[in-house]
PDB file of all heavy atoms in Angstrom:
ATOM      1  N   GLU A   1      -7.239  11.938  -6.912  1.00  0.00           N
ATOM      2  CA  GLU A   1      -6.549  10.822  -6.243  1.00  0.00           C
ATOM      3  C   GLU A   1      -5.420  11.354  -5.355  1.00  0.00           C
ATOM      4  O   GLU A   1      -5.228  10.891  -4.220  1.00  0.00           O
ATOM      5  CB  GLU A   1      -5.975   9.865  -7.292  1.00  0.00           C
ATOM      6  CG  GLU A   1      -7.033   9.066  -8.035  1.00  0.00           C
ATOM      7  CD  GLU A   1      -7.551   9.771  -9.256  1.00  0.00           C
ATOM      8  OE1 GLU A   1      -7.305  11.012  -9.424  1.00  0.00           O
ATOM      9  OE2 GLU A   1      -8.241   9.142 -10.073  1.00  0.00           O
ATOM     10  N   LYS A   2      -4.680  12.328  -5.870  1.00  0.00           N
ATOM     11  CA  LYS A   2      -3.561  12.914  -5.092  1.00  0.00           C
ATOM     12  C   LYS A   2      -4.081  13.619  -3.866  1.00  0.00           C
ATOM     13  O   LYS A   2      -3.502  13.568  -2.787  1.00  0.00           O
ATOM     14  CB  LYS A   2      -2.782  13.884  -5.997  1.00  0.00           C
ATOM     15  CG  LYS A   2      -1.512  14.405  -5.344  1.00  0.00           C
ATOM     16  CD  LYS A   2      -0.810  15.476  -6.182  1.00  0.00           C
ATOM     17  CE  LYS A   2      -0.153  14.874  -7.402  1.00  0.00           C
ATOM     18  NZ  LYS A   2       0.696  15.888  -8.124  1.00  0.00           N
ATOM     19  N   VAL A   3      -5.203  14.331  -4.028  1.00  0.00           N
ATOM     20  CA  VAL A   3      -5.813  15.023  -2.893  1.00  0.00           C
ATOM     21  C   VAL A   3      -6.214  14.013  -1.820  1.00  0.00           C
ATOM     22  O   VAL A   3      -5.903  14.165  -0.626  1.00  0.00           O
ATOM     23  CB  VAL A   3      -7.031  15.866  -3.311  1.00  0.00           C
ATOM     24  CG1 VAL A   3      -7.779  16.430  -2.069  1.00  0.00           C
ATOM     25  CG2 VAL A   3      -6.600  17.010  -4.238  1.00  0.00           C
ATOM     26  N   ALA A   4      -6.876  12.961  -2.262  1.00  0.00           N
ATOM     27  CA  ALA A   4      -7.334  11.898  -1.312  1.00  0.00           C
ATOM     28  C   ALA A   4      -6.148  11.297  -0.603  1.00  0.00           C
ATOM     29  O   ALA A   4      -6.130  11.147   0.642  1.00  0.00           O
ATOM     30  CB  ALA A   4      -8.135  10.843  -2.053  1.00  0.00           C
ATOM     31  N   ASP A   5      -5.124  10.910  -1.361  1.00  0.00           N
ATOM     32  CA  ASP A   5      -3.936  10.265  -0.761  1.00  0.00           C
ATOM     33  C   ASP A   5      -3.247  11.207   0.232  1.00  0.00           C
ATOM     34  O   ASP A   5      -2.896  10.791   1.333  1.00  0.00           O
ATOM     35  CB  ASP A   5      -2.945   9.861  -1.847  1.00  0.00           C
ATOM     36  CG  ASP A   5      -3.416   8.670  -2.659  1.00  0.00           C
ATOM     37  OD1 ASP A   5      -4.358   7.976  -2.222  1.00  0.00           O
ATOM     38  OD2 ASP A   5      -2.830   8.441  -3.762  1.00  0.00           O
ATOM     39  N   SER A   6      -3.071  12.459  -0.150  1.00  0.00           N
ATOM     40  CA  SER A   6      -2.380  13.396   0.717  1.00  0.00           C
ATOM     41  C   SER A   6      -3.168  13.695   1.984  1.00  0.00           C
ATOM     42  O   SER A   6      -2.598  13.945   3.042  1.00  0.00           O
ATOM     43  CB  SER A   6      -2.102  14.714  -0.050  1.00  0.00           C
ATOM     44  OG  SER A   6      -1.241  14.480  -1.137  1.00  0.00           O
ATOM     45  N   ALA A   7      -4.510  13.688   1.860  1.00  0.00           N
ATOM     46  CA  ALA A   7      -5.344  13.963   3.039  1.00  0.00           C
ATOM     47  C   ALA A   7      -5.569  12.735   3.893  1.00  0.00           C
ATOM     48  O   ALA A   7      -6.051  12.833   5.013  1.00  0.00           O
ATOM     49  CB  ALA A   7      -6.686  14.534   2.565  1.00  0.00           C
ATOM     50  N   GLY A   8      -5.205  11.550   3.339  1.00  0.00           N
ATOM     51  CA  GLY A   8      -5.381  10.339   4.103  1.00  0.00           C
ATOM     52  C   GLY A   8      -6.786   9.725   4.042  1.00  0.00           C
ATOM     53  O   GLY A   8      -7.244   9.056   4.940  1.00  0.00           O
ATOM     54  N   TYR A   9      -7.488  10.030   2.922  1.00  0.00           N
ATOM     55  CA  TYR A   9      -8.822   9.518   2.714  1.00  0.00           C
ATOM     56  C   TYR A   9      -8.892   8.697   1.432  1.00  0.00           C
ATOM     57  O   TYR A   9      -7.986   8.745   0.625  1.00  0.00           O
ATOM     58  CB  TYR A   9      -9.859  10.667   2.616  1.00  0.00           C
ATOM     59  CG  TYR A   9     -10.000  11.507   3.839  1.00  0.00           C
ATOM     60  CD1 TYR A   9      -9.521  12.809   3.887  1.00  0.00           C
ATOM     61  CD2 TYR A   9     -10.578  10.986   5.006  1.00  0.00           C
ATOM     62  CE1 TYR A   9      -9.676  13.595   5.016  1.00  0.00           C
ATOM     63  CE2 TYR A   9     -10.712  11.753   6.139  1.00  0.00           C
ATOM     64  CZ  TYR A   9     -10.263  13.057   6.146  1.00  0.00           C
ATOM     65  OH  TYR A   9     -10.384  13.818   7.271  1.00  0.00           O
ATOM     66  N   SER A  10     -10.006   8.013   1.252  1.00  0.00           N
ATOM     67  CA  SER A  10     -10.217   7.279   0.009  1.00  0.00           C
ATOM     68  C   SER A  10     -10.725   8.280  -1.052  1.00  0.00           C
ATOM     69  O   SER A  10     -11.207   9.373  -0.711  1.00  0.00           O
ATOM     70  CB  SER A  10     -11.286   6.194   0.187  1.00  0.00           C
ATOM     71  OG  SER A  10     -12.536   6.789   0.460  1.00  0.00           O
ATOM     72  N   LYS A  11     -10.602   7.913  -2.311  1.00  0.00           N
ATOM     73  CA  LYS A  11     -11.131   8.743  -3.375  1.00  0.00           C
ATOM     74  C   LYS A  11     -12.651   8.952  -3.220  1.00  0.00           C
ATOM     75  O   LYS A  11     -13.191   9.992  -3.559  1.00  0.00           O
ATOM     76  CB  LYS A  11     -10.784   8.155  -4.734  1.00  0.00           C
ATOM     77  CG  LYS A  11     -11.122   9.041  -5.899  1.00  0.00           C
ATOM     78  CD  LYS A  11     -10.680   8.444  -7.216  1.00  0.00           C
ATOM     79  CE  LYS A  11     -11.124   9.280  -8.399  1.00  0.00           C
ATOM     80  NZ  LYS A  11     -10.779   8.639  -9.693  1.00  0.00           N
ATOM     81  N   GLY A  12     -13.285   7.905  -2.677  1.00  0.00           N
ATOM     82  CA  GLY A  12     -14.741   8.001  -2.452  1.00  0.00           C
ATOM     83  C   GLY A  12     -15.080   9.100  -1.494  1.00  0.00           C
ATOM     84  O   GLY A  12     -16.139   9.725  -1.615  1.00  0.00           O
ATOM     85  N   ALA A  13     -14.226   9.369  -0.508  1.00  0.00           N
ATOM     86  CA  ALA A  13     -14.482  10.457   0.455  1.00  0.00           C
ATOM     87  C   ALA A  13     -14.467  11.799  -0.250  1.00  0.00           C
ATOM     88  O   ALA A  13     -15.222  12.690   0.099  1.00  0.00           O
ATOM     89  CB  ALA A  13     -13.418  10.413   1.553  1.00  0.00           C
ATOM     90  N   VAL A  14     -13.586  11.921  -1.262  1.00  0.00           N
ATOM     91  CA  VAL A  14     -13.539  13.186  -2.048  1.00  0.00           C
ATOM     92  C   VAL A  14     -14.844  13.324  -2.827  1.00  0.00           C
ATOM     93  O   VAL A  14     -15.493  14.386  -2.787  1.00  0.00           O
ATOM     94  CB  VAL A  14     -12.335  13.198  -2.975  1.00  0.00           C
ATOM     95  CG1 VAL A  14     -12.333  14.507  -3.791  1.00  0.00           C
ATOM     96  CG2 VAL A  14     -11.018  13.052  -2.221  1.00  0.00           C
ATOM     97  N   TYR A  15     -15.257  12.244  -3.505  1.00  0.00           N
ATOM     98  CA  TYR A  15     -16.465  12.344  -4.315  1.00  0.00           C
ATOM     99  C   TYR A  15     -17.760  12.453  -3.511  1.00  0.00           C
ATOM    100  O   TYR A  15     -18.757  12.914  -4.000  1.00  0.00           O
ATOM    101  CB  TYR A  15     -16.550  11.120  -5.253  1.00  0.00           C
ATOM    102  CG  TYR A  15     -15.727  11.299  -6.503  1.00  0.00           C
ATOM    103  CD1 TYR A  15     -14.599  10.533  -6.727  1.00  0.00           C
ATOM    104  CD2 TYR A  15     -16.083  12.235  -7.468  1.00  0.00           C
ATOM    105  CE1 TYR A  15     -13.827  10.697  -7.882  1.00  0.00           C
ATOM    106  CE2 TYR A  15     -15.354  12.402  -8.614  1.00  0.00           C
ATOM    107  CZ  TYR A  15     -14.199  11.641  -8.818  1.00  0.00           C
ATOM    108  OH  TYR A  15     -13.448  11.821  -9.959  1.00  0.00           O
ATOM    109  N   SER A  16     -17.702  12.089  -2.247  1.00  0.00           N
ATOM    110  CA  SER A  16     -18.890  12.254  -1.415  1.00  0.00           C
ATOM    111  C   SER A  16     -19.031  13.708  -0.959  1.00  0.00           C
ATOM    112  O   SER A  16     -20.100  14.115  -0.473  1.00  0.00           O
ATOM    113  CB  SER A  16     -18.823  11.317  -0.188  1.00  0.00           C
ATOM    114  OG  SER A  16     -17.828  11.725   0.698  1.00  0.00           O
ATOM    115  N   ASN A  17     -17.966  14.480  -1.136  1.00  0.00           N
ATOM    116  CA  ASN A  17     -18.011  15.910  -0.755  1.00  0.00           C
ATOM    117  C   ASN A  17     -18.009  16.849  -1.933  1.00  0.00           C
ATOM    118  O   ASN A  17     -18.525  17.965  -1.858  1.00  0.00           O
ATOM    119  CB  ASN A  17     -16.812  16.237   0.148  1.00  0.00           C
ATOM    120  CG  ASN A  17     -16.953  15.730   1.544  1.00  0.00           C
ATOM    121  OD1 ASN A  17     -17.607  16.381   2.366  1.00  0.00           O
ATOM    122  ND2 ASN A  17     -16.397  14.568   1.861  1.00  0.00           N
ATOM    123  N   PHE A  18     -17.424  16.410  -3.060  1.00  0.00           N
ATOM    124  CA  PHE A  18     -17.313  17.269  -4.248  1.00  0.00           C
ATOM    125  C   PHE A  18     -17.610  16.423  -5.508  1.00  0.00           C
ATOM    126  O   PHE A  18     -17.091  15.334  -5.630  1.00  0.00           O
ATOM    127  CB  PHE A  18     -15.898  17.862  -4.359  1.00  0.00           C
ATOM    128  CG  PHE A  18     -15.482  18.624  -3.127  1.00  0.00           C
ATOM    129  CD1 PHE A  18     -14.727  18.015  -2.161  1.00  0.00           C
ATOM    130  CD2 PHE A  18     -15.887  19.940  -2.970  1.00  0.00           C
ATOM    131  CE1 PHE A  18     -14.365  18.707  -1.013  1.00  0.00           C
ATOM    132  CE2 PHE A  18     -15.533  20.640  -1.821  1.00  0.00           C
ATOM    133  CZ  PHE A  18     -14.767  20.022  -0.853  1.00  0.00           C
ATOM    134  N   LYS A  19     -18.399  16.987  -6.410  1.00  0.00           N
ATOM    135  CA  LYS A  19     -18.806  16.200  -7.580  1.00  0.00           C
ATOM    136  C   LYS A  19     -17.639  16.051  -8.568  1.00  0.00           C
ATOM    137  O   LYS A  19     -17.620  15.106  -9.348  1.00  0.00           O
ATOM    138  CB  LYS A  19     -20.044  16.768  -8.248  1.00  0.00           C
ATOM    139  CG  LYS A  19     -19.862  18.114  -8.908  1.00  0.00           C
ATOM    140  CD  LYS A  19     -21.177  18.540  -9.593  1.00  0.00           C
ATOM    141  CE  LYS A  19     -21.016  19.829 -10.332  1.00  0.00           C
ATOM    142  NZ  LYS A  19     -22.268  20.257 -10.993  1.00  0.00           N
ATOM    143  N   ASN A  20     -16.698  17.026  -8.547  1.00  0.00           N
ATOM    144  CA  ASN A  20     -15.563  16.914  -9.459  1.00  0.00           C
ATOM    145  C   ASN A  20     -14.443  17.842  -8.995  1.00  0.00           C
ATOM    146  O   ASN A  20     -14.574  18.582  -8.018  1.00  0.00           O
ATOM    147  CB  ASN A  20     -15.979  17.243 -10.903  1.00  0.00           C
ATOM    148  CG  ASN A  20     -16.679  18.563 -11.054  1.00  0.00           C
ATOM    149  OD1 ASN A  20     -16.333  19.556 -10.391  1.00  0.00           O
ATOM    150  ND2 ASN A  20     -17.731  18.610 -11.859  1.00  0.00           N
ATOM    151  N   LYS A  21     -13.345  17.841  -9.734  1.00  0.00           N
ATOM    152  CA  LYS A  21     -12.172  18.650  -9.380  1.00  0.00           C
ATOM    153  C   LYS A  21     -12.460  20.150  -9.484  1.00  0.00           C
ATOM    154  O   LYS A  21     -11.951  20.931  -8.701  1.00  0.00           O
ATOM    155  CB  LYS A  21     -10.974  18.270 -10.279  1.00  0.00           C
ATOM    156  CG  LYS A  21      -9.666  18.927  -9.870  1.00  0.00           C
ATOM    157  CD  LYS A  21      -8.438  18.311 -10.522  1.00  0.00           C
ATOM    158  CE  LYS A  21      -8.315  18.660 -11.927  1.00  0.00           C
ATOM    159  NZ  LYS A  21      -6.971  18.328 -12.488  1.00  0.00           N
ATOM    160  N   LYS A  22     -13.268  20.525 -10.471  1.00  0.00           N
ATOM    161  CA  LYS A  22     -13.618  21.935 -10.650  1.00  0.00           C
ATOM    162  C   LYS A  22     -14.296  22.483  -9.390  1.00  0.00           C
ATOM    163  O   LYS A  22     -13.985  23.567  -8.923  1.00  0.00           O
ATOM    164  CB  LYS A  22     -14.512  22.149 -11.860  1.00  0.00           C
ATOM    165  CG  LYS A  22     -13.800  22.059 -13.191  1.00  0.00           C
ATOM    166  CD  LYS A  22     -14.707  22.407 -14.339  1.00  0.00           C
ATOM    167  CE  LYS A  22     -15.807  21.358 -14.555  1.00  0.00           C
ATOM    168  NZ  LYS A  22     -16.551  21.562 -15.828  1.00  0.00           N
ATOM    169  N   GLU A  23     -15.257  21.721  -8.893  1.00  0.00           N
ATOM    170  CA  GLU A  23     -16.002  22.160  -7.693  1.00  0.00           C
ATOM    171  C   GLU A  23     -15.058  22.303  -6.491  1.00  0.00           C
ATOM    172  O   GLU A  23     -15.165  23.289  -5.748  1.00  0.00           O
ATOM    173  CB  GLU A  23     -17.133  21.159  -7.364  1.00  0.00           C
ATOM    174  CG  GLU A  23     -17.993  21.625  -6.194  1.00  0.00           C
ATOM    175  CD  GLU A  23     -19.103  20.622  -5.908  1.00  0.00           C
ATOM    176  OE1 GLU A  23     -20.145  20.710  -6.569  1.00  0.00           O
ATOM    177  OE2 GLU A  23     -18.878  19.782  -5.015  1.00  0.00           O
ATOM    178  N   LEU A  24     -14.166  21.359  -6.330  1.00  0.00           N
ATOM    179  CA  LEU A  24     -13.206  21.422  -5.233  1.00  0.00           C
ATOM    180  C   LEU A  24     -12.293  22.630  -5.391  1.00  0.00           C
ATOM    181  O   LEU A  24     -12.067  23.393  -4.433  1.00  0.00           O
ATOM    182  CB  LEU A  24     -12.386  20.138  -5.188  1.00  0.00           C
ATOM    183  CG  LEU A  24     -11.220  20.086  -4.177  1.00  0.00           C
ATOM    184  CD1 LEU A  24     -11.716  20.356  -2.767  1.00  0.00           C
ATOM    185  CD2 LEU A  24     -10.506  18.734  -4.244  1.00  0.00           C
ATOM    186  N   CYS A  25     -11.797  22.875  -6.601  1.00  0.00           N
ATOM    187  CA  CYS A  25     -10.911  23.998  -6.833  1.00  0.00           C
ATOM    188  C   CYS A  25     -11.601  25.338  -6.646  1.00  0.00           C
ATOM    189  O   CYS A  25     -10.985  26.265  -6.084  1.00  0.00           O
ATOM    190  CB  CYS A  25     -10.306  23.918  -8.240  1.00  0.00           C
ATOM    191  SG  CYS A  25      -8.918  25.060  -8.473  1.00  0.00           S
ATOM    192  N   LEU A  26     -12.843  25.414  -7.015  1.00  0.00           N
ATOM    193  CA  LEU A  26     -13.599  26.663  -6.795  1.00  0.00           C
ATOM    194  C   LEU A  26     -13.788  26.940  -5.310  1.00  0.00           C
ATOM    195  O   LEU A  26     -13.732  28.104  -4.866  1.00  0.00           O
ATOM    196  CB  LEU A  26     -14.957  26.586  -7.524  1.00  0.00           C
ATOM    197  CG  LEU A  26     -14.854  26.709  -9.052  1.00  0.00           C
ATOM    198  CD1 LEU A  26     -16.179  26.246  -9.676  1.00  0.00           C
ATOM    199  CD2 LEU A  26     -14.517  28.124  -9.478  1.00  0.00           C
ATOM    200  N   GLU A  27     -13.988  25.881  -4.536  1.00  0.00           N
ATOM    201  CA  GLU A  27     -14.082  26.082  -3.090  1.00  0.00           C
ATOM    202  C   GLU A  27     -12.736  26.550  -2.521  1.00  0.00           C
ATOM    203  O   GLU A  27     -12.672  27.368  -1.624  1.00  0.00           O
ATOM    204  CB  GLU A  27     -14.552  24.823  -2.392  1.00  0.00           C
ATOM    205  CG  GLU A  27     -14.745  25.021  -0.902  1.00  0.00           C
ATOM    206  CD  GLU A  27     -15.884  24.235  -0.301  1.00  0.00           C
ATOM    207  OE1 GLU A  27     -16.803  23.855  -1.053  1.00  0.00           O
ATOM    208  OE2 GLU A  27     -15.874  24.050   0.901  1.00  0.00           O
ATOM    209  N   VAL A  28     -11.647  25.989  -3.057  1.00  0.00           N
ATOM    210  CA  VAL A  28     -10.319  26.403  -2.661  1.00  0.00           C
ATOM    211  C   VAL A  28     -10.125  27.875  -2.961  1.00  0.00           C
ATOM    212  O   VAL A  28      -9.618  28.663  -2.127  1.00  0.00           O
ATOM    213  CB  VAL A  28      -9.230  25.551  -3.358  1.00  0.00           C
ATOM    214  CG1 VAL A  28      -7.868  26.200  -3.239  1.00  0.00           C
ATOM    215  CG2 VAL A  28      -9.186  24.143  -2.748  1.00  0.00           C
ATOM    216  N   LEU A  29     -10.549  28.317  -4.156  1.00  0.00           N
ATOM    217  CA  LEU A  29     -10.408  29.742  -4.493  1.00  0.00           C
ATOM    218  C   LEU A  29     -11.189  30.631  -3.554  1.00  0.00           C
ATOM    219  O   LEU A  29     -10.742  31.681  -3.143  1.00  0.00           O
ATOM    220  CB  LEU A  29     -10.875  29.970  -5.937  1.00  0.00           C
ATOM    221  CG  LEU A  29      -9.904  29.680  -7.060  1.00  0.00           C
ATOM    222  CD1 LEU A  29     -10.478  30.084  -8.408  1.00  0.00           C
ATOM    223  CD2 LEU A  29      -8.553  30.327  -6.845  1.00  0.00           C
ATOM    224  N   GLY A  30     -12.389  30.171  -3.213  1.00  0.00           N
ATOM    225  CA  GLY A  30     -13.200  30.911  -2.241  1.00  0.00           C
ATOM    226  C   GLY A  30     -12.508  31.084  -0.920  1.00  0.00           C
ATOM    227  O   GLY A  30     -12.505  32.131  -0.286  1.00  0.00           O
ATOM    228  N   LEU A  31     -11.842  29.983  -0.462  1.00  0.00           N
ATOM    229  CA  LEU A  31     -11.100  30.028   0.780  1.00  0.00           C
ATOM    230  C   LEU A  31      -9.909  30.993   0.676  1.00  0.00           C
ATOM    231  O   LEU A  31      -9.650  31.777   1.606  1.00  0.00           O
ATOM    232  CB  LEU A  31     -10.595  28.608   1.136  1.00  0.00           C
ATOM    233  CG  LEU A  31      -9.684  28.477   2.340  1.00  0.00           C
ATOM    234  CD1 LEU A  31     -10.359  28.904   3.619  1.00  0.00           C
ATOM    235  CD2 LEU A  31      -9.151  27.030   2.476  1.00  0.00           C
ATOM    236  N   ILE A  32      -9.197  30.938  -0.446  1.00  0.00           N
ATOM    237  CA  ILE A  32      -8.053  31.816  -0.631  1.00  0.00           C
ATOM    238  C   ILE A  32      -8.530  33.281  -0.631  1.00  0.00           C
ATOM    239  O   ILE A  32      -7.919  34.131   0.029  1.00  0.00           O
ATOM    240  CB  ILE A  32      -7.339  31.500  -1.981  1.00  0.00           C
ATOM    241  CG1 ILE A  32      -6.646  30.145  -1.846  1.00  0.00           C
ATOM    242  CG2 ILE A  32      -6.332  32.609  -2.298  1.00  0.00           C
ATOM    243  CD1 ILE A  32      -6.098  29.628  -3.182  1.00  0.00           C
ATOM    244  N   HIS A  33      -9.630  33.569  -1.311  1.00  0.00           N
ATOM    245  CA  HIS A  33     -10.121  34.953  -1.359  1.00  0.00           C
ATOM    246  C   HIS A  33     -10.510  35.434   0.040  1.00  0.00           C
ATOM    247  O   HIS A  33     -10.220  36.573   0.410  1.00  0.00           O
ATOM    248  CB  HIS A  33     -11.329  35.067  -2.280  1.00  0.00           C
ATOM    249  CG  HIS A  33     -10.985  34.851  -3.729  1.00  0.00           C
ATOM    250  ND1 HIS A  33     -11.944  34.528  -4.670  1.00  0.00           N
ATOM    251  CD2 HIS A  33      -9.809  34.890  -4.404  1.00  0.00           C
ATOM    252  CE1 HIS A  33     -11.345  34.406  -5.880  1.00  0.00           C
ATOM    253  NE2 HIS A  33     -10.078  34.606  -5.716  1.00  0.00           N
ATOM    254  N   ALA A  34     -11.164  34.592   0.795  1.00  0.00           N
ATOM    255  CA  ALA A  34     -11.563  34.978   2.179  1.00  0.00           C
ATOM    256  C   ALA A  34     -10.324  35.212   3.032  1.00  0.00           C
ATOM    257  O   ALA A  34     -10.289  36.152   3.824  1.00  0.00           O
ATOM    258  CB  ALA A  34     -12.449  33.878   2.778  1.00  0.00           C
ATOM    259  N   THR A  35      -9.322  34.351   2.890  1.00  0.00           N
ATOM    260  CA  THR A  35      -8.069  34.497   3.648  1.00  0.00           C
ATOM    261  C   THR A  35      -7.375  35.788   3.284  1.00  0.00           C
ATOM    262  O   THR A  35      -6.934  36.540   4.184  1.00  0.00           O
ATOM    263  CB  THR A  35      -7.137  33.303   3.403  1.00  0.00           C
ATOM    264  OG1 THR A  35      -7.797  32.086   3.774  1.00  0.00           O
ATOM    265  CG2 THR A  35      -5.855  33.435   4.180  1.00  0.00           C
ATOM    266  N   LYS A  36      -7.264  36.070   2.004  1.00  0.00           N
ATOM    267  CA  LYS A  36      -6.618  37.306   1.570  1.00  0.00           C
ATOM    268  C   LYS A  36      -7.413  38.541   2.025  1.00  0.00           C
ATOM    269  O   LYS A  36      -6.845  39.546   2.420  1.00  0.00           O
ATOM    270  CB  LYS A  36      -6.443  37.331   0.051  1.00  0.00           C
ATOM    271  CG  LYS A  36      -5.558  36.207  -0.504  1.00  0.00           C
ATOM    272  CD  LYS A  36      -4.210  36.141   0.177  1.00  0.00           C
ATOM    273  CE  LYS A  36      -3.386  34.988  -0.340  1.00  0.00           C
ATOM    274  NZ  LYS A  36      -2.135  34.786   0.409  1.00  0.00           N
ATOM    275  N   GLY A  37      -8.742  38.424   1.971  1.00  0.00           N
ATOM    276  CA  GLY A  37      -9.562  39.514   2.465  1.00  0.00           C
ATOM    277  C   GLY A  37      -9.323  39.815   3.954  1.00  0.00           C
ATOM    278  O   GLY A  37      -9.219  40.970   4.362  1.00  0.00           O
ATOM    279  N   ALA A  38      -9.181  38.743   4.757  1.00  0.00           N
ATOM    280  CA  ALA A  38      -8.882  38.921   6.182  1.00  0.00           C
ATOM    281  C   ALA A  38      -7.516  39.561   6.387  1.00  0.00           C
ATOM    282  O   ALA A  38      -7.330  40.386   7.303  1.00  0.00           O
ATOM    283  CB  ALA A  38      -8.983  37.570   6.904  1.00  0.00           C
ATOM    284  N   GLU A  39      -6.551  39.167   5.539  1.00  0.00           N
ATOM    285  CA  GLU A  39      -5.213  39.763   5.650  1.00  0.00           C
ATOM    286  C   GLU A  39      -5.265  41.271   5.314  1.00  0.00           C
ATOM    287  O   GLU A  39      -4.621  42.073   5.984  1.00  0.00           O
ATOM    288  CB  GLU A  39      -4.259  39.054   4.694  1.00  0.00           C
ATOM    289  CG  GLU A  39      -3.928  37.623   5.084  1.00  0.00           C
ATOM    290  CD  GLU A  39      -3.138  36.880   4.031  1.00  0.00           C
ATOM    291  OE1 GLU A  39      -2.796  37.481   2.979  1.00  0.00           O
ATOM    292  OE2 GLU A  39      -2.857  35.673   4.217  1.00  0.00           O
ATOM    293  N   ILE A  40      -6.012  41.635   4.280  1.00  0.00           N
ATOM    294  CA  ILE A  40      -6.135  43.047   3.898  1.00  0.00           C
ATOM    295  C   ILE A  40      -6.834  43.811   5.013  1.00  0.00           C
ATOM    296  O   ILE A  40      -6.419  44.951   5.335  1.00  0.00           O
ATOM    297  CB  ILE A  40      -6.845  43.213   2.566  1.00  0.00           C
ATOM    298  CG1 ILE A  40      -6.054  42.578   1.433  1.00  0.00           C
ATOM    299  CG2 ILE A  40      -7.137  44.698   2.262  1.00  0.00           C
ATOM    300  CD1 ILE A  40      -6.782  42.489   0.113  1.00  0.00           C
ATOM    301  N   ALA A  41      -7.888  43.251   5.581  1.00  0.00           N
ATOM    302  CA  ALA A  41      -8.606  43.913   6.662  1.00  0.00           C
ATOM    303  C   ALA A  41      -7.672  44.177   7.837  1.00  0.00           C
ATOM    304  O   ALA A  41      -7.707  45.254   8.459  1.00  0.00           O
ATOM    305  CB  ALA A  41      -9.799  43.070   7.088  1.00  0.00           C
ATOM    306  N   ALA A  42      -6.848  43.205   8.148  1.00  0.00           N
ATOM    307  CA  ALA A  42      -5.873  43.386   9.244  1.00  0.00           C
ATOM    308  C   ALA A  42      -4.893  44.479   8.914  1.00  0.00           C
ATOM    309  O   ALA A  42      -4.537  45.312   9.792  1.00  0.00           O
ATOM    310  CB  ALA A  42      -5.140  42.057   9.512  1.00  0.00           C
TER     311      ALA A  42
END
């Protein structure tokens, strides 16, 4: 709910993209790892 509110979407928009909070957080971790990898490469 907090993610939806902060992003300016309905909670339904979150659930149409992610089945649950775990799935969303795992995607966030993947993004963080890719970002940190790019920083190390630089």
